[in-house]
Amino acid sequence: MRTIVRTKEIVLLLLPILLLITILGGCAWFRQARFDQVTYLRLTDMKAEVGTVYRGLGDLELNEVQITEFRLKMEELLNYEKAKKEEKNKEMIDQIEKGILKIFNEDVEARKKSGPWNSTNIENSLKIIRTAFDQAIRIENSKNR
């Protein structure tokens, strides 16, 4: 009889601890599986970098190296996202491909045709591409919920 009571006491003491560990472990796994910090950091870094690239659109000579490096970083991010092969990632892939990269490529081509941009044109275009970055960041951040 005493052994059964003692065993019950031990189980009742350990049960809440095991339950808490299970819940916390499950929450940690669930959160990690959904949010990709690499993507989030790349997007926020590149949003800052795009300002430097766009200010260069006002120069007489385009900095082709800077433009190519930016495109390469965006293509790397796009390939990283495509490699995940997750259905929930389709929205992010579309935002990079049909949003950020499309806007960037159109702006560079427009600059090549029209010559150096004035500060108003640069700032207006920067607002548009930064909004595209904000949308991509929101998409990734929404995976936290």
Protein backbone atom coordinates (compact mmCIF):
# COMPACT_ATOMS: atom_id res chain seq x y z
CA MET A 1 0.00 0.00 0.00
CA ARG A 2 2.79 2.42 0.94
CA THR A 3 4.60 1.69 -2.31
CA ILE A 4 1.54 2.51 -4.39
CA VAL A 5 1.00 5.78 -2.54
CA ARG A 6 4.68 6.66 -2.96
CA THR A 7 4.55 5.90 -6.68
CA LYS A 8 1.43 8.06 -7.07
CA GLU A 9 3.17 10.95 -5.33
CA ILE A 10 6.16 10.68 -7.65
CA VAL A 11 3.96 10.52 -10.75
CA LEU A 12 1.90 13.49 -9.59
CA LEU A 13 5.09 15.49 -9.01
CA LEU A 14 6.67 14.57 -12.34
CA LEU A 15 3.56 14.83 -14.52
CA PRO A 16 3.33 18.66 -14.54
CA ILE A 17 7.06 18.94 -15.24
CA LEU A 18 6.87 16.49 -18.14
CA LEU A 19 3.79 18.21 -19.49
CA LEU A 20 5.53 21.59 -19.37
CA ILE A 21 8.63 20.24 -21.14
CA THR A 22 6.45 18.69 -23.84
CA ILE A 23 4.51 21.90 -24.43
CA LEU A 24 7.58 24.12 -24.52
CA GLY A 25 9.45 21.72 -26.77
CA GLY A 26 6.53 21.54 -29.15
CA CYS A 27 6.19 25.30 -29.28
CA ALA A 28 9.88 25.77 -30.00
CA TRP A 29 9.82 23.24 -32.82
CA PHE A 30 6.66 24.70 -34.34
CA ARG A 31 8.09 28.24 -34.35
CA GLN A 32 11.39 27.21 -35.92
CA ALA A 33 9.70 25.26 -38.66
CA ARG A 34 7.71 28.23 -39.86
CA PHE A 35 9.98 31.29 -39.69
CA ASP A 36 13.26 31.51 -41.60
CA GLN A 37 15.65 33.97 -39.99
CA VAL A 38 18.06 33.77 -42.96
CA THR A 39 15.38 35.03 -45.33
CA TYR A 40 14.29 37.74 -42.91
CA LEU A 41 17.85 39.02 -42.40
CA ARG A 42 18.66 38.96 -46.12
CA LEU A 43 15.51 40.90 -46.94
CA THR A 44 16.14 43.57 -44.30
CA ASP A 45 19.81 43.91 -45.33
CA MET A 46 18.93 44.19 -49.00
CA LYS A 47 16.19 46.72 -48.32
CA ALA A 48 18.87 48.96 -46.82
CA GLU A 49 21.29 48.24 -49.68
CA VAL A 50 18.78 49.05 -52.40
CA GLY A 51 18.91 52.72 -51.39
CA THR A 52 22.59 52.93 -52.32
CA VAL A 53 21.96 51.23 -55.65
CA TYR A 54 19.08 53.55 -56.50
CA ARG A 55 21.00 56.69 -55.59
CA GLY A 56 23.54 55.53 -58.17
CA LEU A 57 20.84 55.82 -60.84
CA GLY A 58 21.36 59.56 -60.66
CA ASP A 59 25.05 59.32 -61.60
CA LEU A 60 26.25 59.95 -65.15
CA GLU A 61 27.76 56.49 -65.34
CA LEU A 62 25.80 53.52 -64.06
CA ASN A 63 27.68 51.35 -61.59
CA GLU A 64 27.13 48.08 -63.45
CA VAL A 65 29.13 46.14 -60.85
CA GLN A 66 26.86 47.35 -58.04
CA ILE A 67 23.75 46.57 -60.08
CA THR A 68 25.03 43.09 -60.97
CA GLU A 69 25.97 42.34 -57.35
CA PHE A 70 22.51 43.39 -56.15
CA ARG A 71 20.83 41.23 -58.81
CA LEU A 72 23.04 38.30 -57.85
CA LYS A 73 22.08 38.62 -54.16
CA MET A 74 18.41 38.72 -55.10
CA GLU A 75 18.81 35.69 -57.38
CA GLU A 76 20.58 33.82 -54.56
CA LEU A 77 17.70 34.62 -52.21
CA LEU A 78 15.19 33.53 -54.84
CA ASN A 79 17.00 30.22 -55.36
CA TYR A 80 17.21 29.73 -51.59
CA GLU A 81 13.44 30.19 -51.33
CA LYS A 82 12.75 27.88 -54.28
CA ALA A 83 14.94 25.17 -52.75
CA LYS A 84 12.62 24.97 -49.74
CA LYS A 85 9.98 23.37 -51.98
CA GLU A 86 7.19 24.26 -49.61
CA GLU A 87 3.78 25.29 -50.86
CA LYS A 88 3.57 28.03 -48.25
CA ASN A 89 6.69 29.57 -49.80
CA LYS A 90 5.01 30.31 -53.13
CA GLU A 91 3.89 33.75 -51.96
CA MET A 92 7.47 34.68 -51.03
CA ILE A 93 8.85 33.42 -54.34
CA ASP A 94 6.25 35.45 -56.25
CA GLN A 95 7.03 38.57 -54.22
CA ILE A 96 10.75 38.30 -54.97
CA GLU A 97 10.32 37.35 -58.63
CA LYS A 98 7.28 39.35 -59.71
CA GLY A 99 7.68 42.14 -57.18
CA ILE A 100 11.20 43.13 -56.14
CA LEU A 101 13.21 41.76 -59.09
CA LYS A 102 10.68 42.91 -61.68
CA ILE A 103 10.60 46.45 -60.28
CA PHE A 104 14.38 46.58 -59.98
CA ASN A 105 14.99 45.34 -63.54
CA GLU A 106 12.39 47.72 -64.99
CA ASP A 107 13.92 50.67 -63.14
CA VAL A 108 17.45 49.86 -64.30
CA GLU A 109 16.26 49.50 -67.89
CA ALA A 110 14.33 52.79 -67.67
CA ARG A 111 17.45 54.51 -66.32
CA LYS A 112 19.58 53.11 -69.17
CA LYS A 113 17.11 54.50 -71.72
CA SER A 114 16.47 57.90 -70.13
CA GLY A 115 19.86 58.77 -68.66
CA PRO A 116 20.59 59.92 -65.09
CA TRP A 117 17.57 60.26 -62.85
CA ASN A 118 16.82 63.33 -60.78
CA SER A 119 16.39 63.08 -57.02
CA THR A 120 12.57 63.11 -57.23
CA ASN A 121 12.54 60.16 -59.61
CA ILE A 122 15.01 58.28 -57.41
CA GLU A 123 13.00 58.88 -54.22
CA ASN A 124 9.69 57.94 -55.86
CA SER A 125 11.14 54.72 -57.26
CA LEU A 126 12.82 53.94 -53.94
CA LYS A 127 9.45 54.19 -52.17
CA ILE A 128 7.98 51.66 -54.58
CA ILE A 129 10.77 49.08 -54.28
CA ARG A 130 11.01 49.53 -50.51
CA THR A 131 7.29 48.84 -50.32
CA ALA A 132 7.90 45.61 -52.26
CA PHE A 133 10.62 44.70 -49.72
CA ASP A 134 8.26 45.55 -46.85
CA GLN A 135 5.67 43.21 -48.30
CA ALA A 136 8.23 40.38 -48.56
CA ILE A 137 9.34 41.02 -44.97
CA ARG A 138 5.70 40.93 -43.83
CA ILE A 139 5.21 37.62 -45.65
CA GLU A 140 8.18 36.08 -43.85
CA ASN A 141 7.28 37.67 -40.52
CA SER A 142 3.70 36.37 -40.78
CA LYS A 143 5.10 32.84 -40.55
CA ASN A 144 5.70 33.61 -36.85
CA ARG A 145 1.98 33.42 -36.15
